[in-house]
Amino acid sequence: AQTGQVLWTYTTGSAIDSSPTVVNGMVYVGSWDGKLYAFHLPT
């Protein structure tokens, strides 16, 4: 957000030490729990 306000959060099973990747309206991020998480960006 332009104001710096948190718009949403999600709890993963472990830490995230990498930067997210954004492709075609989806945000992808890997976690130390061995999972790849995918989030749809609002339009």
Protein backbone atom coordinates (compact mmCIF):
# COMPACT_ATOMS: atom_id res chain seq x y z
CA ALA A 1 0.00 0.00 0.00
CA GLN A 2 1.21 3.52 -0.65
CA THR A 3 0.63 4.36 3.01
CA GLY A 4 2.71 1.44 4.27
CA GLN A 5 -0.39 -0.12 5.83
CA VAL A 6 -0.46 -3.94 5.84
CA LEU A 7 -3.23 -5.11 3.49
CA TRP A 8 -3.16 -8.81 4.36
CA THR A 9 -1.04 -11.49 6.03
CA TYR A 10 -0.67 -15.25 5.77
CA THR A 11 0.98 -17.66 8.19
CA THR A 12 3.21 -20.30 6.60
CA GLY A 13 4.50 -23.46 8.27
CA SER A 14 8.01 -22.03 8.63
CA ALA A 15 10.23 -19.04 7.89
CA ILE A 16 10.54 -17.31 4.51
CA ASP A 17 14.06 -16.15 3.66
CA SER A 18 13.61 -15.41 -0.05
CA SER A 19 12.04 -12.64 -2.07
CA PRO A 20 8.66 -13.28 -3.69
CA THR A 21 8.24 -13.63 -7.44
CA VAL A 22 5.31 -12.01 -9.25
CA VAL A 23 4.09 -13.54 -12.54
CA ASN A 24 0.78 -12.96 -14.35
CA GLY A 25 -1.04 -11.61 -11.32
CA MET A 26 0.23 -14.29 -8.92
CA VAL A 27 2.75 -13.94 -6.09
CA TYR A 28 4.93 -17.01 -5.45
CA VAL A 29 7.11 -17.51 -2.39
CA GLY A 30 8.88 -20.56 -0.99
CA SER A 31 9.04 -21.41 2.69
CA TRP A 32 11.42 -23.50 4.81
CA ASP A 33 8.49 -25.91 5.34
CA GLY A 34 9.20 -27.17 1.80
CA LYS A 35 6.09 -25.63 0.26
CA LEU A 36 5.67 -23.11 -2.53
CA TYR A 37 2.86 -20.68 -1.77
CA ALA A 38 0.88 -18.90 -4.50
CA PHE A 39 -1.34 -15.88 -3.90
CA HIS A 40 -3.60 -14.17 -6.44
CA LEU A 41 -3.12 -10.40 -6.61
CA PRO A 42 -6.34 -8.39 -6.53
CA THR A 43 -7.09 -6.48 -9.72
